[in-house]
């Protein structure tokens, strides 16, 4: 999964959410980090709308990668 994510790094970012009692924390973090996205863990019983809105705001921002000076 992580290799596939790295292969789409040029054109895509992944914004991942961990839900419920025991999400795979390493997978959720790894998906986001390997594609310059973001991750968050949403506790059980917490509304997800605020977290989704924050991720959406970040997803709509421009992303500059591979900059050389």
N, C-alpha and C. Protein backbone atom coordinates (compact mmCIF):
# COMPACT_ATOMS: atom_id res chain seq x y z
N UNK A 1 0.83 -1.19 0.00
CA UNK A 1 0.00 0.00 0.00
C UNK A 1 0.87 1.25 0.00
N UNK A 2 1.91 1.24 0.83
CA UNK A 2 2.76 2.42 0.93
C UNK A 2 3.52 2.67 -0.38
N UNK A 3 3.95 1.60 -1.05
CA UNK A 3 4.64 1.77 -2.33
C UNK A 3 3.70 2.39 -3.37
N UNK A 4 2.45 1.96 -3.38
CA UNK A 4 1.47 2.54 -4.29
C UNK A 4 1.28 4.03 -3.99
N UNK A 5 1.20 4.38 -2.74
CA UNK A 5 1.04 5.79 -2.36
C UNK A 5 2.23 6.62 -2.82
N UNK A 6 3.42 6.09 -2.65
CA UNK A 6 4.61 6.82 -3.09
C UNK A 6 4.61 7.00 -4.61
N UNK A 7 4.05 6.05 -5.34
CA UNK A 7 4.04 6.14 -6.80
C UNK A 7 3.10 7.22 -7.31
N UNK A 8 2.11 7.63 -6.53
CA UNK A 8 1.18 8.68 -6.95
C UNK A 8 1.51 10.02 -6.31
N UNK A 9 2.63 10.10 -5.63
CA UNK A 9 3.02 11.30 -4.90
C UNK A 9 3.03 12.55 -5.76
N UNK A 10 3.42 12.45 -7.00
CA UNK A 10 3.53 13.62 -7.88
C UNK A 10 2.17 14.26 -8.12
N UNK A 11 1.12 13.46 -8.20
CA UNK A 11 -0.18 14.00 -8.59
C UNK A 11 -1.25 13.97 -7.49
N UNK A 12 -0.95 13.37 -6.36
CA UNK A 12 -2.00 13.19 -5.35
C UNK A 12 -1.48 13.34 -3.93
N UNK A 13 -2.37 13.77 -3.05
CA UNK A 13 -2.10 13.78 -1.61
C UNK A 13 -3.22 13.01 -0.94
N UNK A 14 -2.89 12.31 0.12
CA UNK A 14 -3.90 11.54 0.85
C UNK A 14 -4.11 12.19 2.22
N UNK A 15 -5.37 12.41 2.54
CA UNK A 15 -5.78 12.94 3.83
C UNK A 15 -6.56 11.83 4.52
N UNK A 16 -5.96 11.23 5.54
CA UNK A 16 -6.54 10.02 6.12
C UNK A 16 -7.10 10.27 7.52
N UNK A 17 -8.08 9.47 7.86
CA UNK A 17 -8.76 9.55 9.15
C UNK A 17 -8.70 8.20 9.84
N UNK A 18 -8.44 8.22 11.12
CA UNK A 18 -8.53 7.02 11.93
C UNK A 18 -9.78 7.11 12.78
N UNK A 19 -10.67 6.14 12.64
CA UNK A 19 -11.95 6.15 13.36
C UNK A 19 -12.06 4.92 14.25
N UNK A 20 -12.88 5.03 15.26
CA UNK A 20 -13.23 3.92 16.14
C UNK A 20 -12.16 3.66 17.19
N UNK A 21 -12.18 2.50 17.78
CA UNK A 21 -11.32 2.18 18.93
C UNK A 21 -9.85 1.98 18.56
N UNK A 22 -9.59 1.23 17.52
CA UNK A 22 -8.20 0.86 17.25
C UNK A 22 -7.87 0.86 15.76
N UNK A 23 -7.79 2.03 15.16
CA UNK A 23 -7.37 2.07 13.75
C UNK A 23 -5.88 1.75 13.65
N UNK A 24 -5.45 1.35 12.49
CA UNK A 24 -4.03 1.10 12.27
C UNK A 24 -3.31 2.44 12.22
N UNK A 25 -2.74 2.83 13.34
CA UNK A 25 -2.10 4.14 13.43
C UNK A 25 -0.94 4.29 12.45
N UNK A 26 -0.16 3.25 12.29
CA UNK A 26 0.97 3.35 11.36
C UNK A 26 0.49 3.49 9.92
N UNK A 27 -0.59 2.83 9.55
CA UNK A 27 -1.13 2.95 8.20
C UNK A 27 -1.71 4.34 7.97
N UNK A 28 -2.51 4.83 8.91
CA UNK A 28 -3.13 6.15 8.78
C UNK A 28 -2.06 7.23 8.65
N UNK A 29 -1.05 7.18 9.52
CA UNK A 29 0.05 8.16 9.45
C UNK A 29 0.85 7.99 8.17
N UNK A 30 1.18 6.76 7.85
CA UNK A 30 2.02 6.48 6.68
C UNK A 30 1.38 6.93 5.38
N UNK A 31 0.08 6.71 5.22
CA UNK A 31 -0.61 7.14 4.01
C UNK A 31 -0.48 8.64 3.81
N UNK A 32 -0.71 9.38 4.86
CA UNK A 32 -0.65 10.84 4.77
C UNK A 32 0.78 11.33 4.59
N UNK A 33 1.69 10.83 5.39
CA UNK A 33 3.07 11.30 5.32
C UNK A 33 3.75 10.97 4.00
N UNK A 34 3.45 9.82 3.43
CA UNK A 34 4.13 9.43 2.19
C UNK A 34 3.64 10.21 0.99
N UNK A 35 2.52 10.94 1.13
CA UNK A 35 1.98 11.71 0.01
C UNK A 35 1.84 13.20 0.32
N UNK A 36 2.49 13.66 1.36
CA UNK A 36 2.40 15.07 1.78
C UNK A 36 0.98 15.50 2.14
N UNK A 37 0.21 14.56 2.63
CA UNK A 37 -1.15 14.87 3.09
C UNK A 37 -1.16 15.10 4.59
N UNK A 38 -2.30 14.84 5.19
CA UNK A 38 -2.45 15.00 6.64
C UNK A 38 -3.24 13.83 7.18
N UNK A 39 -3.12 13.62 8.48
CA UNK A 39 -3.89 12.57 9.13
C UNK A 39 -4.45 13.09 10.44
N UNK A 40 -5.51 12.45 10.89
CA UNK A 40 -6.06 12.76 12.21
C UNK A 40 -6.79 11.53 12.73
N UNK A 41 -6.83 11.42 14.04
CA UNK A 41 -7.56 10.34 14.69
C UNK A 41 -8.77 10.95 15.38
N UNK A 42 -9.93 10.41 15.08
CA UNK A 42 -11.18 10.95 15.61
C UNK A 42 -11.69 10.00 16.69
N UNK A 43 -11.75 10.47 17.93
CA UNK A 43 -12.21 9.62 19.02
C UNK A 43 -13.67 9.21 18.84
N UNK A 44 -13.99 8.05 19.33
CA UNK A 44 -15.35 7.54 19.28
C UNK A 44 -16.29 8.51 19.99
N UNK A 45 -17.42 8.79 19.39
CA UNK A 45 -18.39 9.70 19.99
C UNK A 45 -18.14 11.17 19.68
N UNK A 46 -17.11 11.44 18.89
CA UNK A 46 -16.78 12.81 18.52
C UNK A 46 -17.28 13.07 17.10
N UNK A 47 -17.83 14.24 16.86
CA UNK A 47 -18.28 14.59 15.52
C UNK A 47 -17.10 14.69 14.56
N UNK A 48 -17.24 14.11 13.40
CA UNK A 48 -16.15 14.12 12.42
C UNK A 48 -16.17 15.37 11.55
N UNK A 49 -17.26 16.13 11.57
CA UNK A 49 -17.40 17.24 10.64
C UNK A 49 -16.31 18.30 10.77
N UNK A 50 -15.88 18.60 11.96
CA UNK A 50 -14.82 19.60 12.15
C UNK A 50 -13.51 19.09 11.56
N UNK A 51 -13.20 17.83 11.80
CA UNK A 51 -11.97 17.23 11.29
C UNK A 51 -11.98 17.17 9.76
N UNK A 52 -13.12 16.80 9.21
CA UNK A 52 -13.25 16.73 7.75
C UNK A 52 -13.10 18.12 7.14
N UNK A 53 -13.71 19.12 7.75
CA UNK A 53 -13.60 20.49 7.24
C UNK A 53 -12.16 20.98 7.27
N UNK A 54 -11.42 20.67 8.33
CA UNK A 54 -10.01 21.07 8.41
C UNK A 54 -9.19 20.40 7.32
N UNK A 55 -9.43 19.11 7.09
CA UNK A 55 -8.71 18.40 6.04
C UNK A 55 -9.08 18.95 4.66
N UNK A 56 -10.35 19.25 4.46
CA UNK A 56 -10.78 19.79 3.17
C UNK A 56 -10.11 21.13 2.91
N UNK A 57 -10.03 21.97 3.92
CA UNK A 57 -9.37 23.26 3.77
C UNK A 57 -7.91 23.07 3.36
N UNK A 58 -7.21 22.14 3.98
CA UNK A 58 -5.81 21.87 3.63
C UNK A 58 -5.71 21.25 2.24
N UNK A 59 -6.66 20.40 1.88
CA UNK A 59 -6.63 19.75 0.57
C UNK A 59 -6.80 20.75 -0.56
N UNK A 60 -7.52 21.83 -0.29
CA UNK A 60 -7.76 22.84 -1.32
C UNK A 60 -6.59 23.81 -1.48
N UNK A 61 -5.64 23.78 -0.56
CA UNK A 61 -4.46 24.63 -0.67
C UNK A 61 -3.48 24.06 -1.69
N UNK A 62 -2.73 24.92 -2.32
CA UNK A 62 -1.71 24.48 -3.27
C UNK A 62 -0.61 23.75 -2.52
N UNK A 63 0.00 22.82 -3.21
CA UNK A 63 1.08 22.05 -2.62
C UNK A 63 2.29 22.13 -3.55
N UNK A 64 3.38 22.64 -3.04
CA UNK A 64 4.60 22.74 -3.83
C UNK A 64 5.55 21.65 -3.34
N UNK A 65 6.06 20.86 -4.28
CA UNK A 65 6.99 19.80 -3.93
C UNK A 65 8.20 19.84 -4.84
N UNK A 66 9.24 19.19 -4.43
CA UNK A 66 10.45 19.02 -5.22
C UNK A 66 11.04 20.36 -5.67
N UNK A 67 11.13 21.30 -4.76
CA UNK A 67 11.68 22.62 -5.06
C UNK A 67 13.19 22.57 -4.95
N UNK A 68 13.87 23.15 -5.93
CA UNK A 68 15.33 23.19 -5.93
C UNK A 68 15.78 24.63 -6.02
N UNK A 69 16.80 24.97 -5.25
CA UNK A 69 17.33 26.34 -5.25
C UNK A 69 18.74 26.31 -5.78
